[in-house]
PDB file of N, CA and C in Angstrom:
ATOM      1  N   UNK A   1       6.627  -8.997 -32.561  1.00  0.00           N
ATOM      2  CA  UNK A   1       5.655  -9.918 -31.985  1.00  0.00           C
ATOM      3  C   UNK A   1       5.924 -10.121 -30.491  1.00  0.00           C
ATOM      4  N   UNK A   2       7.173 -10.326 -30.183  1.00  0.00           N
ATOM      5  CA  UNK A   2       7.535 -10.567 -28.796  1.00  0.00           C
ATOM      6  C   UNK A   2       7.264  -9.332 -27.937  1.00  0.00           C
ATOM      7  N   UNK A   3       7.568  -8.161 -28.491  1.00  0.00           N
ATOM      8  CA  UNK A   3       7.326  -6.912 -27.786  1.00  0.00           C
ATOM      9  C   UNK A   3       5.831  -6.717 -27.527  1.00  0.00           C
ATOM     10  N   UNK A   4       5.014  -7.064 -28.480  1.00  0.00           N
ATOM     11  CA  UNK A   4       3.567  -6.954 -28.331  1.00  0.00           C
ATOM     12  C   UNK A   4       3.067  -7.878 -27.220  1.00  0.00           C
ATOM     13  N   UNK A   5       3.573  -9.098 -27.194  1.00  0.00           N
ATOM     14  CA  UNK A   5       3.185 -10.044 -26.138  1.00  0.00           C
ATOM     15  C   UNK A   5       3.580  -9.514 -24.767  1.00  0.00           C
ATOM     16  N   UNK A   6       4.773  -8.953 -24.678  1.00  0.00           N
ATOM     17  CA  UNK A   6       5.246  -8.388 -23.415  1.00  0.00           C
ATOM     18  C   UNK A   6       4.334  -7.257 -22.950  1.00  0.00           C
ATOM     19  N   UNK A   7       3.990  -6.347 -23.863  1.00  0.00           N
ATOM     20  CA  UNK A   7       3.112  -5.226 -23.503  1.00  0.00           C
ATOM     21  C   UNK A   7       1.733  -5.715 -23.083  1.00  0.00           C
ATOM     22  N   UNK A   8       1.222  -6.724 -23.782  1.00  0.00           N
ATOM     23  CA  UNK A   8      -0.099  -7.260 -23.430  1.00  0.00           C
ATOM     24  C   UNK A   8      -0.067  -7.888 -22.036  1.00  0.00           C
ATOM     25  N   UNK A   9       1.002  -8.630 -21.743  1.00  0.00           N
ATOM     26  CA  UNK A   9       1.124  -9.234 -20.420  1.00  0.00           C
ATOM     27  C   UNK A   9       1.245  -8.166 -19.343  1.00  0.00           C
ATOM     28  N   UNK A  10       2.005  -7.123 -19.632  1.00  0.00           N
ATOM     29  CA  UNK A  10       2.183  -6.027 -18.674  1.00  0.00           C
ATOM     30  C   UNK A  10       0.844  -5.349 -18.387  1.00  0.00           C
ATOM     31  N   UNK A  11       0.056  -5.097 -19.423  1.00  0.00           N
ATOM     32  CA  UNK A  11      -1.258  -4.478 -19.236  1.00  0.00           C
ATOM     33  C   UNK A  11      -2.190  -5.389 -18.456  1.00  0.00           C
ATOM     34  N   UNK A  12      -2.107  -6.678 -18.742  1.00  0.00           N
ATOM     35  CA  UNK A  12      -2.952  -7.644 -18.043  1.00  0.00           C
ATOM     36  C   UNK A  12      -2.582  -7.684 -16.559  1.00  0.00           C
ATOM     37  N   UNK A  13      -1.284  -7.702 -16.261  1.00  0.00           N
ATOM     38  CA  UNK A  13      -0.839  -7.705 -14.867  1.00  0.00           C
ATOM     39  C   UNK A  13      -1.267  -6.435 -14.148  1.00  0.00           C
ATOM     40  N   UNK A  14      -1.148  -5.298 -14.827  1.00  0.00           N
ATOM     41  CA  UNK A  14      -1.550  -4.023 -14.236  1.00  0.00           C
ATOM     42  C   UNK A  14      -3.046  -4.027 -13.928  1.00  0.00           C
ATOM     43  N   UNK A  15      -3.832  -4.559 -14.836  1.00  0.00           N
ATOM     44  CA  UNK A  15      -5.281  -4.625 -14.631  1.00  0.00           C
ATOM     45  C   UNK A  15      -5.605  -5.493 -13.420  1.00  0.00           C
ATOM     46  N   UNK A  16      -4.886  -6.598 -13.267  1.00  0.00           N
ATOM     47  CA  UNK A  16      -5.126  -7.476 -12.121  1.00  0.00           C
ATOM     48  C   UNK A  16      -4.763  -6.784 -10.813  1.00  0.00           C
ATOM     49  N   UNK A  17      -3.643  -6.064 -10.801  1.00  0.00           N
ATOM     50  CA  UNK A  17      -3.230  -5.339  -9.595  1.00  0.00           C
ATOM     51  C   UNK A  17      -4.251  -4.263  -9.259  1.00  0.00           C
ATOM     52  N   UNK A  18      -4.671  -3.474 -10.237  1.00  0.00           N
ATOM     53  CA  UNK A  18      -5.640  -2.410  -9.995  1.00  0.00           C
ATOM     54  C   UNK A  18      -6.987  -2.955  -9.551  1.00  0.00           C
ATOM     55  N   UNK A  19      -7.352  -4.117 -10.056  1.00  0.00           N
ATOM     56  CA  UNK A  19      -8.623  -4.741  -9.685  1.00  0.00           C
ATOM     57  C   UNK A  19      -8.636  -5.077  -8.195  1.00  0.00           C
ATOM     58  N   UNK A  20      -7.499  -5.481  -7.652  1.00  0.00           N
ATOM     59  CA  UNK A  20      -7.412  -5.884  -6.250  1.00  0.00           C
ATOM     60  C   UNK A  20      -7.121  -4.730  -5.295  1.00  0.00           C
ATOM     61  N   UNK A  21      -6.814  -3.554  -5.826  1.00  0.00           N
ATOM     62  CA  UNK A  21      -6.409  -2.433  -4.973  1.00  0.00           C
ATOM     63  C   UNK A  21      -7.461  -2.072  -3.927  1.00  0.00           C
ATOM     64  N   UNK A  22      -8.738  -1.870  -4.282  1.00  0.00           N
ATOM     65  CA  UNK A  22      -9.719  -1.538  -3.248  1.00  0.00           C
ATOM     66  C   UNK A  22      -9.842  -2.647  -2.199  1.00  0.00           C
ATOM     67  N   UNK A  23      -9.750  -3.868  -2.658  1.00  0.00           N
ATOM     68  CA  UNK A  23      -9.824  -4.994  -1.750  1.00  0.00           C
ATOM     69  C   UNK A  23      -8.640  -4.978  -0.784  1.00  0.00           C
ATOM     70  N   UNK A  24      -7.462  -4.605  -1.256  1.00  0.00           N
ATOM     71  CA  UNK A  24      -6.298  -4.551  -0.387  1.00  0.00           C
ATOM     72  C   UNK A  24      -6.475  -3.483   0.682  1.00  0.00           C
ATOM     73  N   UNK A  25      -6.992  -2.330   0.326  1.00  0.00           N
ATOM     74  CA  UNK A  25      -7.267  -1.284   1.315  1.00  0.00           C
ATOM     75  C   UNK A  25      -8.122  -1.840   2.453  1.00  0.00           C
ATOM     76  N   UNK A  26      -9.191  -2.469   2.073  1.00  0.00           N
ATOM     77  CA  UNK A  26     -10.133  -3.003   3.058  1.00  0.00           C
ATOM     78  C   UNK A  26      -9.496  -4.113   3.890  1.00  0.00           C
ATOM     79  N   UNK A  27      -8.740  -4.982   3.245  1.00  0.00           N
ATOM     80  CA  UNK A  27      -8.099  -6.093   3.965  1.00  0.00           C
ATOM     81  C   UNK A  27      -7.077  -5.582   4.972  1.00  0.00           C
ATOM     82  N   UNK A  28      -6.276  -4.590   4.584  1.00  0.00           N
ATOM     83  CA  UNK A  28      -5.280  -4.039   5.508  1.00  0.00           C
ATOM     84  C   UNK A  28      -5.960  -3.343   6.686  1.00  0.00           C
ATOM     85  N   UNK A  29      -7.020  -2.625   6.410  1.00  0.00           N
ATOM     86  CA  UNK A  29      -7.754  -1.943   7.474  1.00  0.00           C
ATOM     87  C   UNK A  29      -8.353  -2.960   8.454  1.00  0.00           C
ATOM     88  N   UNK A  30      -8.981  -3.992   7.912  1.00  0.00           N
ATOM     89  CA  UNK A  30      -9.572  -5.026   8.767  1.00  0.00           C
ATOM     90  C   UNK A  30      -8.517  -5.786   9.558  1.00  0.00           C
ATOM     91  N   UNK A  31      -7.346  -5.994   8.941  1.00  0.00           N
ATOM     92  CA  UNK A  31      -6.238  -6.646   9.645  1.00  0.00           C
ATOM     93  C   UNK A  31      -5.830  -5.807  10.855  1.00  0.00           C
ATOM     94  N   UNK A  32      -5.691  -4.502  10.660  1.00  0.00           N
ATOM     95  CA  UNK A  32      -5.317  -3.609  11.759  1.00  0.00           C
ATOM     96  C   UNK A  32      -6.368  -3.653  12.872  1.00  0.00           C
ATOM     97  N   UNK A  33      -7.634  -3.667  12.491  1.00  0.00           N
ATOM     98  CA  UNK A  33      -8.703  -3.764  13.500  1.00  0.00           C
ATOM     99  C   UNK A  33      -8.629  -5.073  14.278  1.00  0.00           C
ATOM    100  N   UNK A  34      -8.336  -6.177  13.594  1.00  0.00           N
ATOM    101  CA  UNK A  34      -8.213  -7.474  14.277  1.00  0.00           C
ATOM    102  C   UNK A  34      -7.031  -7.476  15.245  1.00  0.00           C
ATOM    103  N   UNK A  35      -5.920  -6.858  14.841  1.00  0.00           N
ATOM    104  CA  UNK A  35      -4.755  -6.777  15.726  1.00  0.00           C
ATOM    105  C   UNK A  35      -5.121  -6.012  16.997  1.00  0.00           C
ATOM    106  N   UNK A  36      -5.788  -4.891  16.847  1.00  0.00           N
ATOM    107  CA  UNK A  36      -6.194  -4.092  18.011  1.00  0.00           C
ATOM    108  C   UNK A  36      -7.112  -4.903  18.918  1.00  0.00           C
ATOM    109  N   UNK A  37      -8.020  -5.629  18.317  1.00  0.00           N
ATOM    110  CA  UNK A  37      -8.935  -6.459  19.090  1.00  0.00           C
ATOM    111  C   UNK A  37      -8.183  -7.539  19.876  1.00  0.00           C
ATOM    112  N   UNK A  38      -7.218  -8.161  19.255  1.00  0.00           N
ATOM    113  CA  UNK A  38      -6.415  -9.196  19.931  1.00  0.00           C
ATOM    114  C   UNK A  38      -5.640  -8.586  21.097  1.00  0.00           C
ATOM    115  N   UNK A  39      -5.017  -7.438  20.852  1.00  0.00           N
ATOM    116  CA  UNK A  39      -4.200  -6.798  21.893  1.00  0.00           C
ATOM    117  C   UNK A  39      -5.060  -6.407  23.087  1.00  0.00           C
ATOM    118  N   UNK A  40      -6.275  -5.979  22.846  1.00  0.00           N
ATOM    119  CA  UNK A  40      -7.165  -5.615  23.956  1.00  0.00           C
ATOM    120  C   UNK A  40      -7.479  -6.803  24.855  1.00  0.00           C
ATOM    121  N   UNK A  41      -7.365  -8.017  24.337  1.00  0.00           N
ATOM    122  CA  UNK A  41      -7.675  -9.221  25.111  1.00  0.00           C
ATOM    123  C   UNK A  41      -6.454  -9.850  25.776  1.00  0.00           C
ATOM    124  N   UNK A  42      -5.277  -9.264  25.559  1.00  0.00           N
ATOM    125  CA  UNK A  42      -4.072  -9.806  26.185  1.00  0.00           C
ATOM    126  C   UNK A  42      -4.128  -9.607  27.697  1.00  0.00           C
ATOM    127  N   UNK A  43      -3.433 -10.467  28.434  1.00  0.00           N
ATOM    128  CA  UNK A  43      -3.403 -10.311  29.900  1.00  0.00           C
ATOM    129  C   UNK A  43      -2.818  -8.951  30.291  1.00  0.00           C
ATOM    130  N   UNK A  44      -3.337  -8.399  31.359  1.00  0.00           N
ATOM    131  CA  UNK A  44      -2.881  -7.091  31.855  1.00  0.00           C
ATOM    132  C   UNK A  44      -1.659  -7.313  32.752  1.00  0.00           C
ATOM    133  N   UNK A  45      -0.551  -7.657  32.119  1.00  0.00           N
ATOM    134  CA  UNK A  45       0.719  -7.872  32.821  1.00  0.00           C
ATOM    135  C   UNK A  45       1.844  -7.341  31.926  1.00  0.00           C
ATOM    136  N   UNK A  46       3.040  -7.284  32.426  1.00  0.00           N
ATOM    137  CA  UNK A  46       4.154  -6.675  31.704  1.00  0.00           C
ATOM    138  C   UNK A  46       4.330  -7.297  30.318  1.00  0.00           C
ATOM    139  N   UNK A  47       4.356  -8.596  30.223  1.00  0.00           N
ATOM    140  CA  UNK A  47       4.553  -9.256  28.919  1.00  0.00           C
ATOM    141  C   UNK A  47       3.415  -8.902  27.962  1.00  0.00           C
ATOM    142  N   UNK A  48       2.190  -8.913  28.462  1.00  0.00           N
ATOM    143  CA  UNK A  48       1.045  -8.569  27.622  1.00  0.00           C
ATOM    144  C   UNK A  48       1.127  -7.141  27.110  1.00  0.00           C
ATOM    145  N   UNK A  49       1.539  -6.216  27.974  1.00  0.00           N
ATOM    146  CA  UNK A  49       1.663  -4.812  27.558  1.00  0.00           C
ATOM    147  C   UNK A  49       2.767  -4.635  26.515  1.00  0.00           C
ATOM    148  N   UNK A  50       3.932  -5.212  26.798  1.00  0.00           N
ATOM    149  CA  UNK A  50       5.074  -5.017  25.902  1.00  0.00           C
ATOM    150  C   UNK A  50       4.857  -5.674  24.542  1.00  0.00           C
ATOM    151  N   UNK A  51       4.415  -6.909  24.559  1.00  0.00           N
ATOM    152  CA  UNK A  51       4.160  -7.601  23.283  1.00  0.00           C
ATOM    153  C   UNK A  51       2.979  -6.946  22.570  1.00  0.00           C
ATOM    154  N   UNK A  52       1.997  -6.517  23.321  1.00  0.00           N
ATOM    155  CA  UNK A  52       0.843  -5.842  22.732  1.00  0.00           C
ATOM    156  C   UNK A  52       1.230  -4.557  22.031  1.00  0.00           C
ATOM    157  N   UNK A  53       2.121  -3.770  22.655  1.00  0.00           N
ATOM    158  CA  UNK A  53       2.567  -2.530  22.013  1.00  0.00           C
ATOM    159  C   UNK A  53       3.269  -2.830  20.691  1.00  0.00           C
ATOM    160  N   UNK A  54       4.108  -3.870  20.702  1.00  0.00           N
ATOM    161  CA  UNK A  54       4.818  -4.236  19.475  1.00  0.00           C
ATOM    162  C   UNK A  54       3.843  -4.740  18.413  1.00  0.00           C
ATOM    163  N   UNK A  55       2.864  -5.530  18.815  1.00  0.00           N
ATOM    164  CA  UNK A  55       1.864  -6.029  17.869  1.00  0.00           C
ATOM    165  C   UNK A  55       1.086  -4.883  17.225  1.00  0.00           C
ATOM    166  N   UNK A  56       0.698  -3.911  18.019  1.00  0.00           N
ATOM    167  CA  UNK A  56      -0.043  -2.765  17.472  1.00  0.00           C
ATOM    168  C   UNK A  56       0.828  -2.001  16.485  1.00  0.00           C
ATOM    169  N   UNK A  57       2.090  -1.755  16.846  1.00  0.00           N
ATOM    170  CA  UNK A  57       2.979  -1.033  15.925  1.00  0.00           C
ATOM    171  C   UNK A  57       3.160  -1.806  14.626  1.00  0.00           C
ATOM    172  N   UNK A  58       3.466  -3.096  14.733  1.00  0.00           N
ATOM    173  CA  UNK A  58       3.726  -3.902  13.536  1.00  0.00           C
ATOM    174  C   UNK A  58       2.452  -4.142  12.730  1.00  0.00           C
ATOM    175  N   UNK A  59       1.354  -4.395  13.411  1.00  0.00           N
ATOM    176  CA  UNK A  59       0.113  -4.745  12.727  1.00  0.00           C
ATOM    177  C   UNK A  59      -0.621  -3.587  12.093  1.00  0.00           C
ATOM    178  N   UNK A  60      -0.335  -2.382  12.547  1.00  0.00           N
ATOM    179  CA  UNK A  60      -1.001  -1.213  11.962  1.00  0.00           C
ATOM    180  C   UNK A  60      -0.091  -0.436  11.015  1.00  0.00           C
ATOM    181  N   UNK A  61       1.208  -0.634  11.117  1.00  0.00           N
ATOM    182  CA  UNK A  61       2.129   0.142  10.276  1.00  0.00           C
ATOM    183  C   UNK A  61       1.997  -0.217   8.799  1.00  0.00           C
ATOM    184  N   UNK A  62       1.636  -1.448   8.497  1.00  0.00           N
ATOM    185  CA  UNK A  62       1.509  -1.830   7.089  1.00  0.00           C
ATOM    186  C   UNK A  62       0.416  -1.014   6.397  1.00  0.00           C
ATOM    187  N   UNK A  63      -0.661  -0.734   7.108  1.00  0.00           N
ATOM    188  CA  UNK A  63      -1.729   0.097   6.539  1.00  0.00           C
ATOM    189  C   UNK A  63      -1.220   1.517   6.302  1.00  0.00           C
ATOM    190  N   UNK A  64      -0.522   2.068   7.279  1.00  0.00           N
ATOM    191  CA  UNK A  64       0.018   3.425   7.133  1.00  0.00           C
ATOM    192  C   UNK A  64       1.039   3.481   5.999  1.00  0.00           C
ATOM    193  N   UNK A  65       1.886   2.481   5.896  1.00  0.00           N
ATOM    194  CA  UNK A  65       2.893   2.461   4.830  1.00  0.00           C
ATOM    195  C   UNK A  65       2.246   2.339   3.461  1.00  0.00           C
ATOM    196  N   UNK A  66       1.205   1.548   3.355  1.00  0.00           N
ATOM    197  CA  UNK A  66       0.498   1.385   2.081  1.00  0.00           C
ATOM    198  C   UNK A  66      -0.130   2.719   1.660  1.00  0.00           C
ATOM    199  N   UNK A  67      -0.765   3.391   2.599  1.00  0.00           N
ATOM    200  CA  UNK A  67      -1.382   4.688   2.293  1.00  0.00           C
ATOM    201  C   UNK A  67      -0.316   5.710   1.891  1.00  0.00           C
ATOM    202  N   UNK A  68       0.822   5.692   2.571  1.00  0.00           N
ATOM    203  CA  UNK A  68       1.910   6.613   2.241  1.00  0.00           C
ATOM    204  C   UNK A  68       2.441   6.343   0.838  1.00  0.00           C
ATOM    205  N   UNK A  69       2.548   5.081   0.472  1.00  0.00           N
ATOM    206  CA  UNK A  69       3.019   4.730  -0.873  1.00  0.00           C
ATOM    207  C   UNK A  69       2.035   5.215  -1.933  1.00  0.00           C
ATOM    208  N   UNK A  70       0.757   5.119  -1.669  1.00  0.00           N
ATOM    209  CA  UNK A  70      -0.250   5.615  -2.615  1.00  0.00           C
ATOM    210  C   UNK A  70      -0.156   7.129  -2.756  1.00  0.00           C
ATOM    211  N   UNK A  71       0.161   7.808  -1.658  1.00  0.00           N
ATOM    212  CA  UNK A  71       0.285   9.266  -1.703  1.00  0.00           C
ATOM    213  C   UNK A  71       1.464   9.687  -2.591  1.00  0.00           C
ATOM    214  N   UNK A  72       2.470   8.842  -2.693  1.00  0.00           N
ATOM    215  CA  UNK A  72       3.643   9.148  -3.520  1.00  0.00           C
ATOM    216  C   UNK A  72       3.248   9.433  -4.955  1.00  0.00           C
ATOM    217  N   UNK A  73       2.254   8.741  -5.459  1.00  0.00           N
ATOM    218  CA  UNK A  73       1.832   8.970  -6.845  1.00  0.00           C
ATOM    219  C   UNK A  73       1.303  10.377  -7.041  1.00  0.00           C
ATOM    220  N   UNK A  74       0.682  10.937  -6.019  1.00  0.00           N
ATOM    221  CA  UNK A  74       0.175  12.307  -6.096  1.00  0.00           C
ATOM    222  C   UNK A  74       1.348  13.274  -6.248  1.00  0.00           C
ATOM    223  N   UNK A  75       2.406  13.064  -5.469  1.00  0.00           N
ATOM    224  CA  UNK A  75       3.568  13.953  -5.536  1.00  0.00           C
ATOM    225  C   UNK A  75       4.282  13.824  -6.878  1.00  0.00           C
ATOM    226  N   UNK A  76       4.392  12.601  -7.395  1.00  0.00           N
ATOM    227  CA  UNK A  76       5.023  12.410  -8.708  1.00  0.00           C
ATOM    228  C   UNK A  76       4.234  13.134  -9.798  1.00  0.00           C
ATOM    229  N   UNK A  77       2.919  13.011  -9.746  1.00  0.00           N
ATOM    230  CA  UNK A  77       2.069  13.677 -10.738  1.00  0.00           C
ATOM    231  C   UNK A  77       2.207  15.199 -10.625  1.00  0.00           C
ATOM    232  N   UNK A  78       2.254  15.699  -9.402  1.00  0.00           N
ATOM    233  CA  UNK A  78       2.408  17.134  -9.184  1.00  0.00           C
ATOM    234  C   UNK A  78       3.747  17.632  -9.757  1.00  0.00           C
ATOM    235  N   UNK A  79       4.820  16.882  -9.540  1.00  0.00           N
ATOM    236  CA  UNK A  79       6.123  17.260 -10.093  1.00  0.00           C
ATOM    237  C   UNK A  79       6.071  17.343 -11.618  1.00  0.00           C
ATOM    238  N   UNK A  80       5.427  16.359 -12.235  1.00  0.00           N
ATOM    239  CA  UNK A  80       5.350  16.324 -13.697  1.00  0.00           C
ATOM    240  C   UNK A  80       4.460  17.450 -14.217  1.00  0.00           C
ATOM    241  N   UNK A  81       3.255  17.560 -13.664  1.00  0.00           N
ATOM    242  CA  UNK A  81       2.278  18.535 -14.171  1.00  0.00           C
ATOM    243  C   UNK A  81       2.698  19.981 -13.917  1.00  0.00           C
ATOM    244  N   UNK A  82       3.504  20.210 -12.891  1.00  0.00           N
ATOM    245  CA  UNK A  82       3.948  21.569 -12.589  1.00  0.00           C
ATOM    246  C   UNK A  82       5.139  21.984 -13.446  1.00  0.00           C
ATOM    247  N   UNK A  83       5.719  21.010 -14.146  1.00  0.00           N
ATOM    248  CA  UNK A  83       6.872  21.312 -14.987  1.00  0.00           C
ATOM    249  C   UNK A  83       8.191  21.277 -14.245  1.00  0.00           C
ATOM    250  N   UNK A  84       8.170  20.897 -12.976  1.00  0.00           N
ATOM    251  CA  UNK A  84       9.417  20.808 -12.208  1.00  0.00           C
ATOM    252  C   UNK A  84      10.328  19.753 -12.817  1.00  0.00           C
ATOM    253  N   UNK A  85       9.745  18.630 -13.232  1.00  0.00           N
ATOM    254  CA  UNK A  85      10.521  17.629 -13.965  1.00  0.00           C
ATOM    255  C   UNK A  85      10.003  17.622 -15.393  1.00  0.00           C
ATOM    256  N   UNK A  86      10.877  17.943 -16.307  1.00  0.00           N
ATOM    257  CA  UNK A  86      10.489  18.040 -17.710  1.00  0.00           C
ATOM    258  C   UNK A  86      11.148  16.922 -18.500  1.00  0.00           C
ATOM    259  N   UNK A  87      10.420  16.379 -19.433  1.00  0.00           N
ATOM    260  CA  UNK A  87      10.971  15.362 -20.307  1.00  0.00           C
ATOM    261  C   UNK A  87      11.125  14.009 -19.647  1.00  0.00           C
ATOM    262  N   UNK A  88      10.580  13.865 -18.450  1.00  0.00           N
ATOM    263  CA  UNK A  88      10.644  12.574 -17.761  1.00  0.00           C
ATOM    264  C   UNK A  88       9.225  12.028 -17.691  1.00  0.00           C
ATOM    265  N   UNK A  89       9.043  10.877 -18.266  1.00  0.00           N
ATOM    266  CA  UNK A  89       7.722  10.244 -18.242  1.00  0.00           C
ATOM    267  C   UNK A  89       7.624   9.392 -16.984  1.00  0.00           C
ATOM    268  N   UNK A  90       6.568   9.565 -16.250  1.00  0.00           N
ATOM    269  CA  UNK A  90       6.348   8.752 -15.057  1.00  0.00           C
ATOM    270  C   UNK A  90       5.925   7.367 -15.505  1.00  0.00           C
ATOM    271  N   UNK A  91       6.591   6.382 -14.977  1.00  0.00           N
ATOM    272  CA  UNK A  91       6.335   4.986 -15.347  1.00  0.00           C
ATOM    273  C   UNK A  91       4.868   4.639 -15.070  1.00  0.00           C
ATOM    274  N   UNK A  92       4.305   3.785 -15.928  1.00  0.00           N
ATOM    275  CA  UNK A  92       2.898   3.379 -15.787  1.00  0.00           C
ATOM    276  C   UNK A  92       2.589   2.814 -14.409  1.00  0.00           C
ATOM    277  N   UNK A  93       3.513   2.134 -13.785  1.00  0.00           N
ATOM    278  CA  UNK A  93       3.193   1.498 -12.516  1.00  0.00           C
ATOM    279  C   UNK A  93       2.966   2.515 -11.399  1.00  0.00           C
ATOM    280  N   UNK A  94       3.376   3.774 -11.611  1.00  0.00           N
ATOM    281  CA  UNK A  94       3.146   4.805 -10.605  1.00  0.00           C
ATOM    282  C   UNK A  94       1.830   5.525 -10.799  1.00  0.00           C
ATOM    283  N   UNK A  95       1.176   5.274 -11.891  1.00  0.00           N
ATOM    284  CA  UNK A  95      -0.094   5.963 -12.163  1.00  0.00           C
ATOM    285  C   UNK A  95      -1.224   5.261 -11.447  1.00  0.00           C
ATOM    286  N   UNK A  96      -2.221   6.052 -11.063  1.00  0.00           N
ATOM    287  CA  UNK A  96      -3.413   5.487 -10.415  1.00  0.00           C
ATOM    288  C   UNK A  96      -4.283   4.805 -11.412  1.00  0.00           C
TER     289      UNK A  96
END
């Protein structure tokens, strides 16, 4: 009984995460666009340039990192389907 409840909760959590995934893509992209917009309005002086460069790096890297993490699932699937890793089941959380 307890195991069944655990599996049901796990499936429910996975469904909630997957439901928000497209929204997260869009939110991260829009966040990066807002950061760029803010940096373009900074004063044209040394502090504005230096802080602006850091803001762009920090504010856009999260989108790139998220996309890179999603790409990892493709490589895991390729390893499994090609037979390079045999007898290893890819955890559900790595599946699309």
